[in-house]
């Protein structure tokens, strides 16, 4: 699926300015460090940009900060998740706190999701 120039530029901007939690998780995911899986960060996917996308496993990992608890953001996240699911992706949502306090647990959960893919 070809992405628009605007979406590509937005993804580049997000890659240049990751949150601290995204930076910490990317350190583990880059260069196939998690079980040899290839992840892309801030990857355009349809009308959305996924925080981390593993095309091979059809897995999207979203790292959510405090702003994702508002009613408006929860509704938007549900819309995104529904689009991803309708297009064959599974979405694993983790919080910034999960990444900061239990990075190993986040990685184990990601691997479990990859292993149980259909």
C-alpha atoms as a PDB file:
ATOM      1  CA  UNK A   1       0.000   0.000   0.000  1.00  0.00           C
ATOM      2  CA  UNK A   2       1.611   3.251  -1.135  1.00  0.00           C
ATOM      3  CA  UNK A   3       1.674   5.967   1.501  1.00  0.00           C
ATOM      4  CA  UNK A   4       1.077   9.644   0.933  1.00  0.00           C
ATOM      5  CA  UNK A   5       3.947  12.086   1.138  1.00  0.00           C
ATOM      6  CA  UNK A   6       2.297  13.735   4.155  1.00  0.00           C
ATOM      7  CA  UNK A   7       2.086  10.411   6.008  1.00  0.00           C
ATOM      8  CA  UNK A   8       5.705   9.597   5.175  1.00  0.00           C
ATOM      9  CA  UNK A   9       6.887  12.996   6.433  1.00  0.00           C
ATOM     10  CA  UNK A  10       4.837  12.660   9.618  1.00  0.00           C
ATOM     11  CA  UNK A  11       6.353   9.220  10.272  1.00  0.00           C
ATOM     12  CA  UNK A  12       9.856  10.627   9.736  1.00  0.00           C
ATOM     13  CA  UNK A  13       9.123  13.416  12.194  1.00  0.00           C
ATOM     14  CA  UNK A  14       7.903  10.905  14.797  1.00  0.00           C
ATOM     15  CA  UNK A  15      11.020   8.777  14.286  1.00  0.00           C
ATOM     16  CA  UNK A  16      13.228  11.829  14.885  1.00  0.00           C
ATOM     17  CA  UNK A  17      11.412  12.680  18.127  1.00  0.00           C
ATOM     18  CA  UNK A  18      10.495   9.453  19.936  1.00  0.00           C
ATOM     19  CA  UNK A  19       9.237   9.400  23.487  1.00  0.00           C
ATOM     20  CA  UNK A  20      11.676   8.069  26.072  1.00  0.00           C
ATOM     21  CA  UNK A  21       9.677   4.833  26.319  1.00  0.00           C
ATOM     22  CA  UNK A  22       9.701   4.383  22.532  1.00  0.00           C
ATOM     23  CA  UNK A  23      13.447   5.006  22.468  1.00  0.00           C
ATOM     24  CA  UNK A  24      14.004   2.391  25.184  1.00  0.00           C
ATOM     25  CA  UNK A  25      11.875  -0.253  23.424  1.00  0.00           C
ATOM     26  CA  UNK A  26      13.462   0.526  20.043  1.00  0.00           C
ATOM     27  CA  UNK A  27      16.889  -0.155  21.547  1.00  0.00           C
ATOM     28  CA  UNK A  28      15.745  -3.767  22.036  1.00  0.00           C
ATOM     29  CA  UNK A  29      13.842  -4.128  18.756  1.00  0.00           C
ATOM     30  CA  UNK A  30      16.265  -2.587  16.281  1.00  0.00           C
ATOM     31  CA  UNK A  31      18.645  -4.789  14.336  1.00  0.00           C
ATOM     32  CA  UNK A  32      16.459  -7.875  14.874  1.00  0.00           C
ATOM     33  CA  UNK A  33      17.472  -8.160  18.534  1.00  0.00           C
ATOM     34  CA  UNK A  34      14.144  -9.661  19.619  1.00  0.00           C
ATOM     35  CA  UNK A  35      14.188 -13.282  18.403  1.00  0.00           C
ATOM     36  CA  UNK A  36      15.416 -12.186  14.985  1.00  0.00           C
ATOM     37  CA  UNK A  37      12.160 -10.352  14.238  1.00  0.00           C
ATOM     38  CA  UNK A  38      12.193  -7.298  12.004  1.00  0.00           C
ATOM     39  CA  UNK A  39      10.328  -4.312  13.449  1.00  0.00           C
ATOM     40  CA  UNK A  40       9.819  -0.905  11.877  1.00  0.00           C
ATOM     41  CA  UNK A  41       9.213   2.095  14.095  1.00  0.00           C
ATOM     42  CA  UNK A  42       6.677   4.809  13.385  1.00  0.00           C
ATOM     43  CA  UNK A  43       5.577   2.841  10.342  1.00  0.00           C
ATOM     44  CA  UNK A  44       2.778   4.130   8.112  1.00  0.00           C
ATOM     45  CA  UNK A  45       0.044   1.504   7.930  1.00  0.00           C
ATOM     46  CA  UNK A  46      -3.028   2.549   5.974  1.00  0.00           C
ATOM     47  CA  UNK A  47      -4.368   5.828   7.357  1.00  0.00           C
ATOM     48  CA  UNK A  48      -2.407   5.460  10.604  1.00  0.00           C
ATOM     49  CA  UNK A  49       1.171   5.328  11.874  1.00  0.00           C
ATOM     50  CA  UNK A  50       2.024   2.371  14.098  1.00  0.00           C
ATOM     51  CA  UNK A  51       4.583   2.879  16.864  1.00  0.00           C
ATOM     52  CA  UNK A  52       6.220  -0.488  16.060  1.00  0.00           C
ATOM     53  CA  UNK A  53       5.213  -2.889  13.299  1.00  0.00           C
ATOM     54  CA  UNK A  54       6.388  -6.431  12.608  1.00  0.00           C
ATOM     55  CA  UNK A  55       4.971  -7.262   9.176  1.00  0.00           C
ATOM     56  CA  UNK A  56       6.084 -10.896   9.342  1.00  0.00           C
ATOM     57  CA  UNK A  57       4.069 -11.511  12.533  1.00  0.00           C
ATOM     58  CA  UNK A  58       1.300  -9.033  11.607  1.00  0.00           C
ATOM     59  CA  UNK A  59       1.879  -7.451  15.026  1.00  0.00           C
ATOM     60  CA  UNK A  60       1.647  -3.793  15.963  1.00  0.00           C
ATOM     61  CA  UNK A  61       2.943  -2.599  19.322  1.00  0.00           C
ATOM     62  CA  UNK A  62       1.606   0.716  20.573  1.00  0.00           C
ATOM     63  CA  UNK A  63       3.329   2.458  23.488  1.00  0.00           C
ATOM     64  CA  UNK A  64       0.723   4.587  25.230  1.00  0.00           C
ATOM     65  CA  UNK A  65       1.446   7.541  27.477  1.00  0.00           C
ATOM     66  CA  UNK A  66      -0.851   9.333  29.898  1.00  0.00           C
ATOM     67  CA  UNK A  67      -2.730  11.122  27.101  1.00  0.00           C
ATOM     68  CA  UNK A  68      -4.251   7.824  25.984  1.00  0.00           C
ATOM     69  CA  UNK A  69      -6.546   7.734  29.027  1.00  0.00           C
ATOM     70  CA  UNK A  70      -8.847  10.555  27.917  1.00  0.00           C
ATOM     71  CA  UNK A  71     -12.234   9.549  26.479  1.00  0.00           C
ATOM     72  CA  UNK A  72     -11.331  11.120  23.147  1.00  0.00           C
ATOM     73  CA  UNK A  73      -8.028   9.238  22.876  1.00  0.00           C
ATOM     74  CA  UNK A  74      -9.610   5.948  23.974  1.00  0.00           C
ATOM     75  CA  UNK A  75     -12.210   6.314  21.203  1.00  0.00           C
ATOM     76  CA  UNK A  76      -9.502   7.144  18.645  1.00  0.00           C
ATOM     77  CA  UNK A  77      -7.399   4.158  19.760  1.00  0.00           C
ATOM     78  CA  UNK A  78     -10.437   1.867  19.359  1.00  0.00           C
ATOM     79  CA  UNK A  79     -10.940   3.194  15.829  1.00  0.00           C
ATOM     80  CA  UNK A  80      -7.274   2.543  15.002  1.00  0.00           C
ATOM     81  CA  UNK A  81      -7.345  -0.930  16.552  1.00  0.00           C
ATOM     82  CA  UNK A  82     -10.478  -1.820  14.573  1.00  0.00           C
ATOM     83  CA  UNK A  83      -8.833  -0.731  11.317  1.00  0.00           C
ATOM     84  CA  UNK A  84      -5.675  -2.683  12.092  1.00  0.00           C
ATOM     85  CA  UNK A  85      -7.705  -5.803  13.005  1.00  0.00           C
ATOM     86  CA  UNK A  86      -9.805  -5.528   9.843  1.00  0.00           C
ATOM     87  CA  UNK A  87      -6.545  -5.512   7.885  1.00  0.00           C
ATOM     88  CA  UNK A  88      -5.062  -8.564   9.571  1.00  0.00           C
ATOM     89  CA  UNK A  89      -2.948  -6.992  12.320  1.00  0.00           C
ATOM     90  CA  UNK A  90      -3.033  -7.666  16.039  1.00  0.00           C
ATOM     91  CA  UNK A  91      -2.407  -4.708  18.331  1.00  0.00           C
ATOM     92  CA  UNK A  92      -0.541  -5.031  21.608  1.00  0.00           C
ATOM     93  CA  UNK A  93      -0.850  -1.931  23.747  1.00  0.00           C
ATOM     94  CA  UNK A  94       1.671  -1.291  26.498  1.00  0.00           C
ATOM     95  CA  UNK A  95       2.091   1.774  28.656  1.00  0.00           C
ATOM     96  CA  UNK A  96       5.151   3.931  29.079  1.00  0.00           C
ATOM     97  CA  UNK A  97       5.298   2.638  32.655  1.00  0.00           C
ATOM     98  CA  UNK A  98       5.326  -0.970  31.414  1.00  0.00           C
ATOM     99  CA  UNK A  99       8.372  -0.167  29.285  1.00  0.00           C
ATOM    100  CA  UNK A 100      10.165   1.736  32.067  1.00  0.00           C
ATOM    101  CA  UNK A 101       9.500  -0.735  34.872  1.00  0.00           C
ATOM    102  CA  UNK A 102       9.292  -4.101  33.114  1.00  0.00           C
ATOM    103  CA  UNK A 103      10.949  -4.025  29.697  1.00  0.00           C
ATOM    104  CA  UNK A 104      11.763  -7.737  29.898  1.00  0.00           C
ATOM    105  CA  UNK A 105       8.097  -8.487  30.597  1.00  0.00           C
ATOM    106  CA  UNK A 106       7.022  -6.362  27.626  1.00  0.00           C
ATOM    107  CA  UNK A 107       9.425  -8.278  25.381  1.00  0.00           C
ATOM    108  CA  UNK A 108       8.210 -11.629  26.733  1.00  0.00           C
ATOM    109  CA  UNK A 109       4.614 -10.608  26.041  1.00  0.00           C
ATOM    110  CA  UNK A 110       5.537  -9.566  22.511  1.00  0.00           C
ATOM    111  CA  UNK A 111       7.204 -12.937  21.897  1.00  0.00           C
ATOM    112  CA  UNK A 112       4.164 -14.769  23.287  1.00  0.00           C
ATOM    113  CA  UNK A 113       1.920 -12.836  20.875  1.00  0.00           C
ATOM    114  CA  UNK A 114       4.215 -13.704  17.963  1.00  0.00           C
ATOM    115  CA  UNK A 115       4.250 -17.389  18.900  1.00  0.00           C
ATOM    116  CA  UNK A 116       0.466 -17.652  19.099  1.00  0.00           C
ATOM    117  CA  UNK A 117      -0.224 -15.994  15.775  1.00  0.00           C
ATOM    118  CA  UNK A 118      -2.680 -17.755  13.509  1.00  0.00           C
END
